[in-house]
Amino acid sequence: MRPCRWLPLLLLLASGAVLPCPSLAPARALPPVPQMQWLLATQNLWRLRDTRRDARYDDPVSPSLLDDRLQAQADYIRTHLGSPHLLAVQEVENRALLTQLAGRIAAAGGPAYRAYLLEGNDPSGIDVGVLVRDPVQVASAAPLFADRRFMGAPLFSRPPLLVELDAPYPWSVVVLHLRSGRGLHDSDRQKNVRDKRARQAQVLLDWARAHDRPVILVGDLNSAPDAGVYSQPLSYLLDMPLQSAWQALPPEERYSYRYRCQPQAIDHILYPTVVARQVQRVVVSRGNAGRHGRLRDSEGRSPVSDHDALGVVFRLPRQQRKVGIKEE
């Protein structure tokens, strides 16, 4: 019998392994930001954990891998992303780790970032946070809905992080990493998963409608347009009404992730009309989406993420344009 050339691939798929997509988009950095503008971006940092052992997971990170990952992340943020003025991040284990990352960026000649992160209840030890630098000034940072419950468990394993800005604008930025779609097609779990995802979106929607400042929702929503039941949370949030940054890009550019190698826009920046008036440009990086697998590639390098970054470039207020941004 002739051997099946696809047998190794079939065995890997049967084992549950996730393989890199065969043809990734060429790496593309975010374009430079003009001096009188500022950049808000979002980036999933793909299980950025430290070396602590924890009963919640059985894959502690070695010191050498952590060192490699921190350096790779720092270089990527500084060069590939151009050091956004506000960078919303997902999948970071704790504030100490995010502060270490900020230190690596500064040590490599990048700007001095301030790190904000509040730990949640995620069983994998991943949380949301934000890195900010001048001219962004933070009035406060606090979790939202950390005490909300759903069927006896936290409604948000990764509570949204509310970041109230004093400058450049008095806006409220909410960093998100919503419940994944895992289980949506499992007959035993799909109703609970669907209901929890919908409840998360509805709670956010009700809060944003009642909030007294313009609200920007930013992060990994685990929801994409035109994807059936997986689209439900995004559909709720766009009903505020909020505008999606993706609409400013051509259709072929509207993705930040690849699910089974198919492009999906699951990372989002959503904002109301009053914020949209200050938008100069929407940008997206390339080179990560579809890069699934291990935290070291076949050549021993430490990949940064399996998501591309999405960013929005805003104009500075008139009074700050006269002064300009002090470059670090």
C-alpha atoms as a PDB file:
ATOM      1  CA  MET A   1       0.000   0.000   0.000  1.00  0.00           C
ATOM      2  CA  ARG A   2       1.293   3.427  -0.926  1.00  0.00           C
ATOM      3  CA  PRO A   3       2.011   5.544   2.200  1.00  0.00           C
ATOM      4  CA  CYS A   4      -0.201   8.566   2.713  1.00  0.00           C
ATOM      5  CA  ARG A   5       1.828  11.758   2.294  1.00  0.00           C
ATOM      6  CA  TRP A   6      -0.642  13.588   4.574  1.00  0.00           C
ATOM      7  CA  LEU A   7      -0.435  11.083   7.433  1.00  0.00           C
ATOM      8  CA  PRO A   8       1.978  13.158   9.634  1.00  0.00           C
ATOM      9  CA  LEU A   9      -0.225  16.227   9.252  1.00  0.00           C
ATOM     10  CA  LEU A  10      -3.380  14.251  10.029  1.00  0.00           C
ATOM     11  CA  LEU A  11      -1.788  12.784  13.149  1.00  0.00           C
ATOM     12  CA  LEU A  12      -0.778  16.238  14.352  1.00  0.00           C
ATOM     13  CA  LEU A  13      -4.266  17.608  13.791  1.00  0.00           C
ATOM     14  CA  ALA A  14      -5.818  14.627  15.560  1.00  0.00           C
ATOM     15  CA  SER A  15      -3.582  15.288  18.556  1.00  0.00           C
ATOM     16  CA  GLY A  16      -4.942  18.828  18.875  1.00  0.00           C
ATOM     17  CA  ALA A  17      -1.714  20.551  17.842  1.00  0.00           C
ATOM     18  CA  VAL A  18      -2.065  23.991  16.261  1.00  0.00           C
ATOM     19  CA  LEU A  19       0.197  24.486  13.283  1.00  0.00           C
ATOM     20  CA  PRO A  20       1.495  27.732  11.799  1.00  0.00           C
ATOM     21  CA  CYS A  21      -0.347  28.819   8.667  1.00  0.00           C
ATOM     22  CA  PRO A  22       1.650  27.973   5.536  1.00  0.00           C
ATOM     23  CA  SER A  23       1.789  31.514   4.105  1.00  0.00           C
ATOM     24  CA  LEU A  24       1.994  34.419   6.533  1.00  0.00           C
ATOM     25  CA  ALA A  25       1.767  38.009   5.351  1.00  0.00           C
ATOM     26  CA  PRO A  26       5.199  39.643   5.076  1.00  0.00           C
ATOM     27  CA  ALA A  27       6.203  41.599   8.164  1.00  0.00           C
ATOM     28  CA  ARG A  28       5.024  45.196   8.042  1.00  0.00           C
ATOM     29  CA  ALA A  29       5.561  47.785  10.758  1.00  0.00           C
ATOM     30  CA  LEU A  30       3.113  50.485  11.714  1.00  0.00           C
ATOM     31  CA  PRO A  31       3.937  53.713   9.855  1.00  0.00           C
ATOM     32  CA  PRO A  32       5.668  56.547  11.742  1.00  0.00           C
ATOM     33  CA  VAL A  33       3.355  58.966  13.550  1.00  0.00           C
ATOM     34  CA  PRO A  34       3.756  62.668  12.668  1.00  0.00           C
ATOM     35  CA  GLN A  35       4.857  64.879  15.531  1.00  0.00           C
ATOM     36  CA  MET A  36       1.508  66.608  16.043  1.00  0.00           C
ATOM     37  CA  GLN A  37      -0.404  63.324  16.300  1.00  0.00           C
ATOM     38  CA  TRP A  38      -0.496  60.407  18.738  1.00  0.00           C
ATOM     39  CA  LEU A  39      -1.101  56.671  18.439  1.00  0.00           C
ATOM     40  CA  LEU A  40      -3.407  54.365  20.401  1.00  0.00           C
ATOM     41  CA  ALA A  41      -2.849  50.685  19.597  1.00  0.00           C
ATOM     42  CA  THR A  42      -3.775  47.229  20.857  1.00  0.00           C
ATOM     43  CA  GLN A  43      -1.593  44.104  20.915  1.00  0.00           C
ATOM     44  CA  ASN A  44      -2.184  40.636  22.324  1.00  0.00           C
ATOM     45  CA  LEU A  45       1.187  39.579  23.806  1.00  0.00           C
ATOM     46  CA  TRP A  46       0.476  35.837  23.667  1.00  0.00           C
ATOM     47  CA  ARG A  47       0.759  34.352  27.152  1.00  0.00           C
ATOM     48  CA  LEU A  48       3.483  36.631  28.483  1.00  0.00           C
ATOM     49  CA  ARG A  49       4.123  34.862  31.809  1.00  0.00           C
ATOM     50  CA  ASP A  50       6.924  34.879  34.311  1.00  0.00           C
ATOM     51  CA  THR A  51       8.808  31.956  35.877  1.00  0.00           C
ATOM     52  CA  ARG A  52       6.538  31.418  38.880  1.00  0.00           C
ATOM     53  CA  ARG A  53       5.004  27.980  39.164  1.00  0.00           C
ATOM     54  CA  ASP A  54       1.264  28.030  39.706  1.00  0.00           C
ATOM     55  CA  ALA A  55      -1.203  25.220  40.201  1.00  0.00           C
ATOM     56  CA  ARG A  56      -3.462  26.853  37.626  1.00  0.00           C
ATOM     57  CA  TYR A  57      -1.233  25.781  34.750  1.00  0.00           C
ATOM     58  CA  ASP A  58       1.548  23.285  34.187  1.00  0.00           C
ATOM     59  CA  ASP A  59       3.795  25.120  31.735  1.00  0.00           C
ATOM     60  CA  PRO A  60       6.055  27.400  33.820  1.00  0.00           C
ATOM     61  CA  VAL A  61       8.369  29.558  31.732  1.00  0.00           C
ATOM     62  CA  SER A  62      12.109  29.057  32.021  1.00  0.00           C
ATOM     63  CA  PRO A  63      14.243  32.099  32.934  1.00  0.00           C
ATOM     64  CA  SER A  64      16.004  31.999  29.558  1.00  0.00           C
ATOM     65  CA  LEU A  65      12.749  31.914  27.609  1.00  0.00           C
ATOM     66  CA  LEU A  66      11.307  34.744  29.696  1.00  0.00           C
ATOM     67  CA  ASP A  67      14.426  36.834  29.042  1.00  0.00           C
ATOM     68  CA  ASP A  68      14.187  36.161  25.305  1.00  0.00           C
ATOM     69  CA  ARG A  69      10.496  36.942  25.204  1.00  0.00           C
ATOM     70  CA  LEU A  70      10.811  40.218  27.111  1.00  0.00           C
ATOM     71  CA  GLN A  71      13.596  41.380  24.810  1.00  0.00           C
ATOM     72  CA  ALA A  72      11.679  40.319  21.700  1.00  0.00           C
ATOM     73  CA  GLN A  73       8.548  42.122  22.936  1.00  0.00           C
ATOM     74  CA  ALA A  74      10.498  45.271  23.821  1.00  0.00           C
ATOM     75  CA  ASP A  75      12.218  45.395  20.435  1.00  0.00           C
ATOM     76  CA  TYR A  76       8.929  44.755  18.649  1.00  0.00           C
ATOM     77  CA  ILE A  77       7.046  47.528  20.490  1.00  0.00           C
ATOM     78  CA  ARG A  78       9.876  49.999  19.987  1.00  0.00           C
ATOM     79  CA  THR A  79      10.570  49.312  16.303  1.00  0.00           C
ATOM     80  CA  HIS A  80       7.677  47.414  14.689  1.00  0.00           C
ATOM     81  CA  LEU A  81       4.944  49.344  16.517  1.00  0.00           C
ATOM     82  CA  GLY A  82       6.849  52.626  16.751  1.00  0.00           C
ATOM     83  CA  SER A  83       6.316  52.962  20.532  1.00  0.00           C
ATOM     84  CA  PRO A  84       2.580  53.807  20.630  1.00  0.00           C
ATOM     85  CA  HIS A  85       1.652  56.580  23.027  1.00  0.00           C
ATOM     86  CA  LEU A  86      -1.029  54.321  24.521  1.00  0.00           C
ATOM     87  CA  LEU A  87      -0.651  50.563  24.036  1.00  0.00           C
ATOM     88  CA  ALA A  88      -3.437  48.301  25.309  1.00  0.00           C
ATOM     89  CA  VAL A  89      -2.097  44.789  25.938  1.00  0.00           C
ATOM     90  CA  GLN A  90      -3.686  41.422  26.605  1.00  0.00           C
ATOM     91  CA  GLU A  91      -2.350  38.141  28.032  1.00  0.00           C
ATOM     92  CA  VAL A  92       0.194  39.553  30.505  1.00  0.00           C
ATOM     93  CA  GLU A  93       0.423  37.740  33.819  1.00  0.00           C
ATOM     94  CA  ASN A  94       1.048  40.569  36.278  1.00  0.00           C
ATOM     95  CA  ARG A  95       2.019  44.213  36.637  1.00  0.00           C
ATOM     96  CA  ALA A  96       5.599  43.390  37.631  1.00  0.00           C
ATOM     97  CA  LEU A  97       6.078  41.672  34.282  1.00  0.00           C
ATOM     98  CA  LEU A  98       4.561  44.588  32.375  1.00  0.00           C
ATOM     99  CA  THR A  99       6.826  46.962  34.305  1.00  0.00           C
ATOM    100  CA  GLN A 100       9.828  44.823  33.346  1.00  0.00           C
ATOM    101  CA  LEU A 101       8.773  45.115  29.721  1.00  0.00           C
ATOM    102  CA  ALA A 102       8.569  48.906  30.061  1.00  0.00           C
ATOM    103  CA  GLY A 103      12.070  48.905  31.532  1.00  0.00           C
ATOM    104  CA  ARG A 104      13.424  46.876  28.621  1.00  0.00           C
ATOM    105  CA  ILE A 105      11.949  49.359  26.148  1.00  0.00           C
ATOM    106  CA  ALA A 106      13.572  52.313  27.943  1.00  0.00           C
ATOM    107  CA  ALA A 107      16.918  50.512  28.271  1.00  0.00           C
ATOM    108  CA  ALA A 108      16.970  49.955  24.507  1.00  0.00           C
ATOM    109  CA  GLY A 109      16.577  53.665  23.860  1.00  0.00           C
ATOM    110  CA  GLY A 110      12.791  53.769  23.711  1.00  0.00           C
ATOM    111  CA  PRO A 111      10.403  56.031  25.625  1.00  0.00           C
ATOM    112  CA  ALA A 112       9.681  55.894  29.360  1.00  0.00           C
ATOM    113  CA  TYR A 113       6.403  54.000  29.695  1.00  0.00           C
ATOM    114  CA  ARG A 114       4.115  53.860  32.730  1.00  0.00           C
ATOM    115  CA  ALA A 115       2.524  50.447  33.248  1.00  0.00           C
ATOM    116  CA  TYR A 116      -0.968  49.731  34.575  1.00  0.00           C
ATOM    117  CA  LEU A 117      -2.350  46.242  35.160  1.00  0.00           C
ATOM    118  CA  LEU A 118      -4.724  44.727  37.726  1.00  0.00           C
ATOM    119  CA  GLU A 119      -4.827  40.948  38.051  1.00  0.00           C
ATOM    120  CA  GLY A 120      -8.049  39.048  37.470  1.00  0.00           C
ATOM    121  CA  ASN A 121      -9.238  35.471  37.855  1.00  0.00           C
ATOM    122  CA  ASP A 122      -8.144  33.867  34.611  1.00  0.00           C
ATOM    123  CA  PRO A 123      -7.109  30.238  35.229  1.00  0.00           C
ATOM    124  CA  SER A 124      -4.219  30.684  32.782  1.00  0.00           C
ATOM    125  CA  GLY A 125      -2.889  33.723  34.629  1.00  0.00           C
ATOM    126  CA  ILE A 126      -3.338  36.242  31.803  1.00  0.00           C
ATOM    127  CA  ASP A 127      -4.650  39.768  32.273  1.00  0.00           C
ATOM    128  CA  VAL A 128      -5.125  43.078  30.480  1.00  0.00           C
ATOM    129  CA  GLY A 129      -3.001  46.170  30.950  1.00  0.00           C
ATOM    130  CA  VAL A 130      -1.791  49.341  29.330  1.00  0.00           C
ATOM    131  CA  LEU A 131       1.512  51.094  28.643  1.00  0.00           C
ATOM    132  CA  VAL A 132       1.340  54.882  28.337  1.00  0.00           C
ATOM    133  CA  ARG A 133       3.836  57.646  27.575  1.00  0.00           C
ATOM    134  CA  ASP A 134       3.719  61.387  26.985  1.00  0.00           C
ATOM    135  CA  PRO A 135       1.537  63.144  25.977  1.00  0.00           C
ATOM    136  CA  VAL A 136      -0.929  60.618  27.415  1.00  0.00           C
ATOM    137  CA  GLN A 137      -1.701  61.391  31.045  1.00  0.00           C
ATOM    138  CA  VAL A 138      -3.713  58.938  33.164  1.00  0.00           C
ATOM    139  CA  ALA A 139      -6.021  60.227  35.908  1.00  0.00           C
ATOM    140  CA  SER A 140      -6.872  56.736  37.228  1.00  0.00           C
ATOM    141  CA  ALA A 141      -6.885  53.049  36.310  1.00  0.00           C
ATOM    142  CA  ALA A 142      -9.285  50.568  37.896  1.00  0.00           C
ATOM    143  CA  PRO A 143     -11.048  47.298  37.097  1.00  0.00           C
ATOM    144  CA  LEU A 144     -14.634  47.221  35.883  1.00  0.00           C
ATOM    145  CA  PHE A 145     -17.157  44.565  36.938  1.00  0.00           C
ATOM    146  CA  ALA A 146     -14.635  42.559  38.953  1.00  0.00           C
ATOM    147  CA  ASP A 147     -17.411  41.542  41.366  1.00  0.00           C
ATOM    148  CA  ARG A 148     -20.023  40.576  38.737  1.00  0.00           C
ATOM    149  CA  ARG A 149     -20.994  36.911  38.724  1.00  0.00           C
ATOM    150  CA  PHE A 150     -22.383  34.541  36.123  1.00  0.00           C
ATOM    151  CA  MET A 151     -23.608  31.061  37.052  1.00  0.00           C
ATOM    152  CA  GLY A 152     -21.565  31.067  40.257  1.00  0.00           C
ATOM    153  CA  ALA A 153     -18.302  32.205  38.626  1.00  0.00           C
ATOM    154  CA  PRO A 154     -16.842  35.632  37.754  1.00  0.00           C
ATOM    155  CA  LEU A 155     -18.574  37.175  34.750  1.00  0.00           C
ATOM    156  CA  PHE A 156     -15.159  38.440  33.592  1.00  0.00           C
ATOM    157  CA  SER A 157     -12.165  36.194  34.245  1.00  0.00           C
ATOM    158  CA  ARG A 158     -10.150  39.106  32.894  1.00  0.00           C
ATOM    159  CA  PRO A 159     -11.983  42.189  34.229  1.00  0.00           C
ATOM    160  CA  PRO A 160     -11.922  45.164  31.865  1.00  0.00           C
ATOM    161  CA  LEU A 161      -9.404  47.840  32.829  1.00  0.00           C
ATOM    162  CA  LEU A 162     -10.889  51.344  32.878  1.00  0.00           C
ATOM    163  CA  VAL A 163      -8.223  53.967  32.148  1.00  0.00           C
ATOM    164  CA  GLU A 164      -9.429  57.542  32.645  1.00  0.00           C
ATOM    165  CA  LEU A 165      -7.346  60.018  30.639  1.00  0.00           C
ATOM    166  CA  ASP A 166      -6.596  63.623  31.533  1.00  0.00           C
ATOM    167  CA  ALA A 167      -4.710  64.210  28.271  1.00  0.00           C
ATOM    168  CA  PRO A 168      -4.541  64.493  25.321  1.00  0.00           C
ATOM    169  CA  TYR A 169      -8.343  64.292  25.682  1.00  0.00           C
ATOM    170  CA  PRO A 170     -10.646  63.583  28.654  1.00  0.00           C
ATOM    171  CA  TRP A 171     -11.626  60.180  27.315  1.00  0.00           C
ATOM    172  CA  SER A 172     -12.250  56.829  29.000  1.00  0.00           C
ATOM    173  CA  VAL A 173     -10.322  53.898  27.519  1.00  0.00           C
ATOM    174  CA  VAL A 174     -11.545  50.407  28.449  1.00  0.00           C
ATOM    175  CA  VAL A 175      -9.037  47.600  27.767  1.00  0.00           C
ATOM    176  CA  LEU A 176     -10.770  44.293  27.023  1.00  0.00           C
ATOM    177  CA  HIS A 177     -10.100  40.604  26.550  1.00  0.00           C
ATOM    178  CA  LEU A 178     -13.545  39.027  26.375  1.00  0.00           C
ATOM    179  CA  ARG A 179     -14.471  35.380  26.827  1.00  0.00           C
ATOM    180  CA  SER A 180     -13.200  33.217  23.965  1.00  0.00           C
ATOM    181  CA  GLY A 181     -15.480  31.318  21.594  1.00  0.00           C
ATOM    182  CA  ARG A 182     -14.213  27.958  22.816  1.00  0.00           C
ATOM    183  CA  GLY A 183     -17.260  25.760  23.375  1.00  0.00           C
ATOM    184  CA  LEU A 184     -19.615  27.621  21.051  1.00  0.00           C
ATOM    185  CA  HIS A 185     -20.023  24.506  18.926  1.00  0.00           C
ATOM    186  CA  ASP A 186     -20.084  22.008  21.791  1.00  0.00           C
ATOM    187  CA  SER A 187     -23.664  20.828  22.312  1.00  0.00           C
ATOM    188  CA  ASP A 188     -23.120  20.488  26.073  1.00  0.00           C
ATOM    189  CA  ARG A 189     -21.550  23.926  26.547  1.00  0.00           C
ATOM    190  CA  GLN A 190     -22.696  26.181  23.742  1.00  0.00           C
ATOM    191  CA  LYS A 191     -25.668  27.773  25.533  1.00  0.00           C
ATOM    192  CA  ASN A 192     -23.633  28.753  28.611  1.00  0.00           C
ATOM    193  CA  VAL A 193     -20.758  30.038  26.474  1.00  0.00           C
ATOM    194  CA  ARG A 194     -23.078  32.029  24.217  1.00  0.00           C
ATOM    195  CA  ASP A 195     -25.000  33.467  27.186  1.00  0.00           C
ATOM    196  CA  LYS A 196     -21.819  34.490  29.029  1.00  0.00           C
ATOM    197  CA  ARG A 197     -20.365  36.212  25.971  1.00  0.00           C
ATOM    198  CA  ALA A 198     -23.642  38.043  25.403  1.00  0.00           C
ATOM    199  CA  ARG A 199     -23.867  39.047  29.065  1.00  0.00           C
ATOM    200  CA  GLN A 200     -20.340  40.469  29.020  1.00  0.00           C
ATOM    201  CA  ALA A 201     -21.165  42.587  25.977  1.00  0.00           C
ATOM    202  CA  GLN A 202     -24.499  43.762  27.389  1.00  0.00           C
ATOM    203  CA  VAL A 203     -22.946  44.824  30.702  1.00  0.00           C
ATOM    204  CA  LEU A 204     -20.290  46.807  28.831  1.00  0.00           C
ATOM    205  CA  LEU A 205     -22.884  48.360  26.550  1.00  0.00           C
ATOM    206  CA  ASP A 206     -25.122  49.473  29.430  1.00  0.00           C
ATOM    207  CA  TRP A 207     -22.157  50.942  31.302  1.00  0.00           C
ATOM    208  CA  ALA A 208     -20.801  52.803  28.270  1.00  0.00           C
ATOM    209  CA  ARG A 209     -24.206  54.319  27.482  1.00  0.00           C
ATOM    210  CA  ALA A 210     -24.498  55.668  31.039  1.00  0.00           C
ATOM    211  CA  HIS A 211     -20.876  56.869  31.328  1.00  0.00           C
ATOM    212  CA  ASP A 212     -20.342  60.644  31.346  1.00  0.00           C
ATOM    213  CA  ARG A 213     -17.212  60.656  29.150  1.00  0.00           C
ATOM    214  CA  PRO A 214     -16.513  59.498  25.589  1.00  0.00           C
ATOM    215  CA  VAL A 215     -15.648  55.772  25.776  1.00  0.00           C
ATOM    216  CA  ILE A 216     -13.128  53.876  23.638  1.00  0.00           C
ATOM    217  CA  LEU A 217     -13.335  50.082  23.808  1.00  0.00           C
ATOM    218  CA  VAL A 218     -10.030  48.512  22.809  1.00  0.00           C
ATOM    219  CA  GLY A 219      -8.571  45.019  22.851  1.00  0.00           C
ATOM    220  CA  ASP A 220      -9.163  41.379  21.982  1.00  0.00           C
ATOM    221  CA  LEU A 221     -12.944  40.938  21.812  1.00  0.00           C
ATOM    222  CA  ASN A 222     -12.787  37.306  20.600  1.00  0.00           C
ATOM    223  CA  SER A 223     -15.559  38.303  18.203  1.00  0.00           C
ATOM    224  CA  ALA A 224     -15.442  39.015  14.477  1.00  0.00           C
ATOM    225  CA  PRO A 225     -17.951  40.377  11.952  1.00  0.00           C
ATOM    226  CA  ASP A 226     -19.795  38.037   9.605  1.00  0.00           C
ATOM    227  CA  ALA A 227     -18.999  34.955  11.708  1.00  0.00           C
ATOM    228  CA  GLY A 228     -22.422  33.749  12.874  1.00  0.00           C
ATOM    229  CA  VAL A 229     -22.847  33.299  16.618  1.00  0.00           C
ATOM    230  CA  TYR A 230     -19.183  34.267  17.127  1.00  0.00           C
ATOM    231  CA  SER A 231     -20.153  37.794  16.003  1.00  0.00           C
ATOM    232  CA  GLN A 232     -22.698  38.302  18.783  1.00  0.00           C
ATOM    233  CA  PRO A 233     -20.594  40.297  21.322  1.00  0.00           C
ATOM    234  CA  LEU A 234     -19.295  42.645  18.618  1.00  0.00           C
ATOM    235  CA  SER A 235     -22.819  43.174  17.296  1.00  0.00           C
ATOM    236  CA  TYR A 236     -23.990  44.179  20.780  1.00  0.00           C
ATOM    237  CA  LEU A 237     -21.201  46.721  21.219  1.00  0.00           C
ATOM    238  CA  LEU A 238     -21.637  48.296  17.787  1.00  0.00           C
ATOM    239  CA  ASP A 239     -25.265  48.959  18.734  1.00  0.00           C
ATOM    240  CA  MET A 240     -24.251  51.776  21.150  1.00  0.00           C
ATOM    241  CA  PRO A 241     -23.660  53.160  18.477  1.00  0.00           C
ATOM    242  CA  LEU A 242     -19.899  52.861  18.253  1.00  0.00           C
ATOM    243  CA  GLN A 243     -17.756  52.976  15.144  1.00  0.00           C
ATOM    244  CA  SER A 244     -15.207  50.296  14.338  1.00  0.00           C
ATOM    245  CA  ALA A 245     -11.701  51.363  13.354  1.00  0.00           C
ATOM    246  CA  TRP A 246     -11.656  48.516  10.832  1.00  0.00           C
ATOM    247  CA  GLN A 247     -14.152  50.360   8.631  1.00  0.00           C
ATOM    248  CA  ALA A 248     -11.448  52.900   7.747  1.00  0.00           C
ATOM    249  CA  LEU A 249      -9.341  50.167   6.096  1.00  0.00           C
ATOM    250  CA  PRO A 250      -9.937  48.334   2.804  1.00  0.00           C
ATOM    251  CA  PRO A 251     -11.687  44.946   3.189  1.00  0.00           C
ATOM    252  CA  GLU A 252      -8.542  42.920   2.466  1.00  0.00           C
ATOM    253  CA  GLU A 253      -6.781  44.608   5.409  1.00  0.00           C
ATOM    254  CA  ARG A 254      -9.501  43.927   7.979  1.00  0.00           C
ATOM    255  CA  TYR A 255      -7.955  41.149  10.033  1.00  0.00           C
ATOM    256  CA  SER A 256      -5.659  40.765  13.035  1.00  0.00           C
ATOM    257  CA  TYR A 257      -5.754  36.986  13.533  1.00  0.00           C
ATOM    258  CA  ARG A 258      -6.121  33.780  11.558  1.00  0.00           C
ATOM    259  CA  TYR A 259      -8.507  31.080  12.734  1.00  0.00           C
ATOM    260  CA  ARG A 260      -7.681  27.841  10.949  1.00  0.00           C
ATOM    261  CA  CYS A 261      -5.633  30.107   8.698  1.00  0.00           C
ATOM    262  CA  GLN A 262      -8.667  32.181   7.708  1.00  0.00           C
ATOM    263  CA  PRO A 263      -8.351  35.950   8.384  1.00  0.00           C
ATOM    264  CA  GLN A 264     -10.483  37.332  11.206  1.00  0.00           C
ATOM    265  CA  ALA A 265     -10.796  40.766  12.816  1.00  0.00           C
ATOM    266  CA  ILE A 266     -10.978  39.869  16.517  1.00  0.00           C
ATOM    267  CA  ASP A 267      -8.907  42.774  17.906  1.00  0.00           C
ATOM    268  CA  HIS A 268     -10.897  45.992  17.903  1.00  0.00           C
ATOM    269  CA  ILE A 269     -10.903  49.705  18.627  1.00  0.00           C
ATOM    270  CA  LEU A 270     -14.445  51.035  18.930  1.00  0.00           C
ATOM    271  CA  TYR A 271     -15.319  54.680  19.546  1.00  0.00           C
ATOM    272  CA  PRO A 272     -18.218  57.180  19.354  1.00  0.00           C
ATOM    273  CA  THR A 273     -18.605  59.981  16.820  1.00  0.00           C
ATOM    274  CA  VAL A 274     -17.036  62.605  19.107  1.00  0.00           C
ATOM    275  CA  VAL A 275     -13.820  60.554  19.180  1.00  0.00           C
ATOM    276  CA  ALA A 276     -14.008  59.723  15.464  1.00  0.00           C
ATOM    277  CA  ARG A 277     -13.714  63.440  14.676  1.00  0.00           C
ATOM    278  CA  GLN A 278     -10.117  63.364  15.948  1.00  0.00           C
ATOM    279  CA  VAL A 279      -9.067  60.286  13.935  1.00  0.00           C
ATOM    280  CA  GLN A 280      -6.362  60.917  11.341  1.00  0.00           C
ATOM    281  CA  ARG A 281      -5.633  57.378  10.241  1.00  0.00           C
ATOM    282  CA  VAL A 282      -6.190  53.709  11.085  1.00  0.00           C
ATOM    283  CA  VAL A 283      -3.177  51.388  10.800  1.00  0.00           C
ATOM    284  CA  VAL A 284      -2.486  47.662  11.154  1.00  0.00           C
ATOM    285  CA  SER A 285       0.789  45.747  11.392  1.00  0.00           C
ATOM    286  CA  ARG A 286       1.559  42.437   9.689  1.00  0.00           C
ATOM    287  CA  GLY A 287       3.714  39.379  10.276  1.00  0.00           C
ATOM    288  CA  ASN A 288       2.110  37.737  13.333  1.00  0.00           C
ATOM    289  CA  ALA A 289      -1.426  36.640  12.441  1.00  0.00           C
ATOM    290  CA  GLY A 290      -1.353  32.889  11.842  1.00  0.00           C
ATOM    291  CA  ARG A 291       1.875  32.317  13.783  1.00  0.00           C
ATOM    292  CA  HIS A 292       0.459  29.615  16.058  1.00  0.00           C
ATOM    293  CA  GLY A 293       2.411  26.968  17.890  1.00  0.00           C
ATOM    294  CA  ARG A 294       5.216  27.013  20.409  1.00  0.00           C
ATOM    295  CA  LEU A 295       6.737  30.010  22.156  1.00  0.00           C
ATOM    296  CA  ARG A 296      10.006  29.237  20.345  1.00  0.00           C
ATOM    297  CA  ASP A 297      10.035  28.711  16.591  1.00  0.00           C
ATOM    298  CA  SER A 298      12.071  26.136  14.659  1.00  0.00           C
ATOM    299  CA  GLU A 299      15.120  28.418  14.746  1.00  0.00           C
ATOM    300  CA  GLY A 300      14.967  28.978  18.505  1.00  0.00           C
ATOM    301  CA  ARG A 301      13.593  32.514  18.292  1.00  0.00           C
ATOM    302  CA  SER A 302      10.822  33.768  20.547  1.00  0.00           C
ATOM    303  CA  PRO A 303       7.802  34.894  18.499  1.00  0.00           C
ATOM    304  CA  VAL A 304       6.096  38.010  19.807  1.00  0.00           C
ATOM    305  CA  SER A 305       2.463  37.133  19.178  1.00  0.00           C
ATOM    306  CA  ASP A 306      -0.054  35.314  17.018  1.00  0.00           C
ATOM    307  CA  HIS A 307      -2.016  38.577  16.571  1.00  0.00           C
ATOM    308  CA  ASP A 308      -1.235  41.624  14.476  1.00  0.00           C
ATOM    309  CA  ALA A 309      -1.570  45.071  16.051  1.00  0.00           C
ATOM    310  CA  LEU A 310      -4.367  47.525  15.289  1.00  0.00           C
ATOM    311  CA  GLY A 311      -3.849  51.250  15.836  1.00  0.00           C
ATOM    312  CA  VAL A 312      -5.635  54.578  15.503  1.00  0.00           C
ATOM    313  CA  VAL A 313      -3.726  57.822  14.967  1.00  0.00           C
ATOM    314  CA  PHE A 314      -5.388  60.885  16.513  1.00  0.00           C
ATOM    315  CA  ARG A 315      -4.629  64.576  16.131  1.00  0.00           C
ATOM    316  CA  LEU A 316      -3.424  66.420  19.198  1.00  0.00           C
ATOM    317  CA  PRO A 317      -5.645  69.139  20.678  1.00  0.00           C
ATOM    318  CA  ARG A 318      -4.872  72.580  19.309  1.00  0.00           C
ATOM    319  CA  GLN A 319      -3.117  73.800  22.468  1.00  0.00           C
ATOM    320  CA  GLN A 320      -0.819  70.750  22.539  1.00  0.00           C
ATOM    321  CA  ARG A 321       0.000  71.049  18.857  1.00  0.00           C
ATOM    322  CA  LYS A 322       1.698  74.346  19.584  1.00  0.00           C
ATOM    323  CA  VAL A 323       3.971  72.696  22.123  1.00  0.00           C
ATOM    324  CA  GLY A 324       4.342  69.387  20.304  1.00  0.00           C
ATOM    325  CA  ILE A 325       5.250  66.005  21.726  1.00  0.00           C
ATOM    326  CA  LYS A 326       8.507  65.713  23.557  1.00  0.00           C
ATOM    327  CA  GLU A 327      10.200  62.659  22.073  1.00  0.00           C
ATOM    328  CA  GLU A 328      11.815  60.305  24.578  1.00  0.00           C
END
